[in-house]
Structures are given as C-alpha cells and as structure tokens.
Protein backbone atom coordinates (compact mmCIF):
# COMPACT_ATOMS: atom_id res chain seq x y z
CA MET A 1 -69.98 120.04 56.18
CA ARG A 2 -70.52 123.42 54.55
CA HIS A 3 -66.91 124.42 55.29
CA LEU A 4 -65.64 121.23 53.69
CA PHE A 5 -67.66 121.96 50.56
CA LEU A 6 -66.34 125.53 50.36
CA LEU A 7 -62.78 124.36 50.89
CA SER A 8 -63.14 121.70 48.18
CA THR A 9 -64.62 124.18 45.72
CA PHE A 10 -61.89 126.74 46.42
CA SER A 11 -59.18 124.08 46.01
CA LEU A 12 -60.57 123.04 42.64
CA LEU A 13 -60.59 126.64 41.43
CA VAL A 14 -57.01 127.20 42.57
CA PHE A 15 -55.73 123.99 40.98
CA ALA A 16 -57.64 124.70 37.75
CA SER A 17 -55.95 128.09 37.60
CA ILE A 18 -52.54 126.56 38.25
CA ASP A 19 -53.11 123.94 35.56
CA ALA A 20 -54.09 126.59 33.02
CA GLU A 21 -51.07 128.72 33.93
CA THR A 22 -48.79 125.71 33.55
CA LEU A 23 -50.42 124.87 30.24
CA TYR A 24 -50.02 128.48 29.05
CA LEU A 25 -46.31 128.41 29.83
CA LYS A 26 -45.70 124.81 28.70
CA ASN A 27 -47.28 125.45 25.30
CA GLY A 28 -45.15 128.57 24.87
CA CYS A 29 -48.12 130.93 24.62
CA ASN A 30 -46.10 133.51 26.53
CA SER A 31 -43.49 133.69 23.77
CA CYS A 32 -45.97 135.48 21.49
CA HIS A 33 -48.73 136.76 23.77
CA GLY A 34 -46.53 137.85 26.68
CA MET A 35 -45.99 136.52 30.16
CA TYR A 36 -49.35 137.86 31.31
CA ALA A 37 -51.10 137.57 27.90
CA GLU A 38 -50.77 141.34 27.54
CA GLY A 39 -50.05 140.96 23.80
CA MET A 40 -46.81 141.55 21.93
CA GLY A 41 -46.34 142.85 18.41
CA ALA A 42 -48.89 141.25 16.08
CA SER A 43 -50.04 138.84 18.80
CA PRO A 44 -53.21 140.16 20.43
CA ARG A 45 -53.83 140.83 24.10
CA LEU A 46 -55.77 137.95 25.65
CA GLN A 47 -55.54 139.18 29.22
CA GLY A 48 -58.92 140.18 30.59
CA VAL A 49 -60.88 139.42 27.42
CA ARG A 50 -64.32 138.03 28.29
CA GLU A 51 -64.27 134.28 28.83
CA GLU A 52 -67.03 133.56 26.29
CA ILE A 53 -65.15 135.44 23.56
CA LEU A 54 -61.90 133.57 24.27
CA LEU A 55 -63.74 130.25 24.34
CA ARG A 56 -65.42 130.98 21.01
CA ARG A 57 -62.11 132.02 19.43
CA LEU A 58 -60.30 128.91 20.71
CA LYS A 59 -63.08 126.66 19.40
CA ASN A 60 -62.99 128.43 16.02
CA LEU A 61 -59.24 127.87 15.85
CA GLN A 62 -59.72 124.20 16.73
CA GLU A 63 -62.10 123.99 13.75
CA GLY A 64 -59.46 125.62 11.53
CA LYS A 65 -61.22 128.99 11.36
CA THR A 66 -59.20 132.17 11.75
CA ARG A 67 -59.68 135.85 10.97
CA THR A 68 -56.05 136.72 10.25
CA ALA A 69 -52.99 135.29 8.53
CA PHE A 70 -51.18 135.22 11.87
CA GLY A 71 -54.09 133.25 13.31
CA SER A 72 -53.17 130.26 11.14
CA ILE A 73 -50.19 129.70 13.43
CA MET A 74 -52.61 129.35 16.36
CA ILE A 75 -54.65 126.56 14.77
CA SER A 76 -52.10 123.86 15.60
CA PHE A 77 -51.71 125.16 19.17
CA ALA A 78 -55.47 125.28 19.75
CA LYS A 79 -55.95 121.77 18.40
CA THR A 80 -53.64 120.35 21.08
CA LEU A 81 -56.08 121.42 23.81
CA ASP A 82 -58.80 119.02 24.89
CA GLU A 83 -62.26 120.36 25.73
CA ASN A 84 -61.51 120.76 29.46
CA GLN A 85 -58.20 122.52 28.77
CA THR A 86 -59.92 124.86 26.31
CA VAL A 87 -62.44 125.92 28.95
CA GLN A 88 -59.70 126.26 31.58
CA MET A 89 -57.55 128.37 29.27
CA ALA A 90 -60.42 130.75 28.44
CA LYS A 91 -61.25 131.12 32.14
CA TYR A 92 -57.59 131.64 33.08
CA LEU A 93 -56.92 134.29 30.42
CA SER A 94 -60.13 136.18 31.18
CA THR A 95 -59.10 136.63 34.83
CA LEU A 96 -55.38 137.16 34.24
CA LYS A 97 -53.82 140.43 35.36
CA THR A 98 -50.28 141.72 34.99
CA THR A 99 -48.52 141.29 38.29
CA VAL A 100 -45.21 143.09 38.34
CA ASN A 101 -43.47 143.68 41.62
CA LYS A 102 -43.27 147.48 41.89
CA GLU A 103 -40.07 147.20 43.90
CA ARG A 104 -38.30 145.06 41.31
CA TYR A 105 -36.43 148.00 39.82
CA GLU A 106 -34.98 148.89 43.17
CA ILE A 107 -33.93 145.29 43.65
CA GLU A 108 -32.61 144.63 40.12
CA TYR A 109 -31.26 148.05 39.19
CA ASP A 110 -28.10 149.42 40.72
CA THR A 111 -27.31 152.98 39.67
CA ALA A 112 -23.65 152.69 40.64
CA GLY A 113 -21.42 153.12 37.61
CA ASP A 114 -24.11 154.04 35.11
CA GLY A 115 -23.31 157.76 35.02
CA GLY A 116 -26.38 158.65 37.04
CA SER A 117 -26.19 160.41 40.33
C-alpha cells in the first residue's frame, strides 16, 4: 500500500511538472524569458527564483500590479492562468534548470569547410 501511495504521489508531481512546462511553452513565455526561463534582454530570469517570490509576483500581475513598464505586458499573460496553474507555474520555474546537451556542438557543428583546421 505504501508503494502505491509513493508511486501515485510521484506520478502527480511528474505530470504537474509536464503540465507547467507545456503551459510555459504554449503561452509563449519562452519567447521572452528563454527556453529555460534564463532571461533574455529586458525579460528577467525566472529560473530558480524561490517559489514564494514567483507566486507573489504572478498574483500581483493578476491583480494588475507591476513594478516596471515591461511588466505591463505580463499582466494579460498572468490573468489567463487559473489559481492551480499559477501555483504550478511558480513551482515549475523555481525548480527549472538549463539542460543543454554538452555534446550538441559535436553533433550539430561540422568544421569541414569553415576555414578551421
């Protein structure tokens, strides 16, 4: 019985993470904040920020409160999230890490013909 409980709990956590990732990509968050929420240009890094801070910021945006002019763009995005999605998004972003395959350059990059030797 204990194993079933642990398996169920683990499954819920995995699916919650997948749902938040899908939501992050579906809502186009990655176009400003980066694929791994690492931040781009004027868009802040969200990756690894404490969950309670992200949750507070998302709720402030949902109430129309922002600290920057660029933040006004986020108000409409934040308002599309329901309460459960808001919590999931804060949890997802707080645990997100950049995962880049270290071998990708060897796979994608061919030095033939580029003048390098």
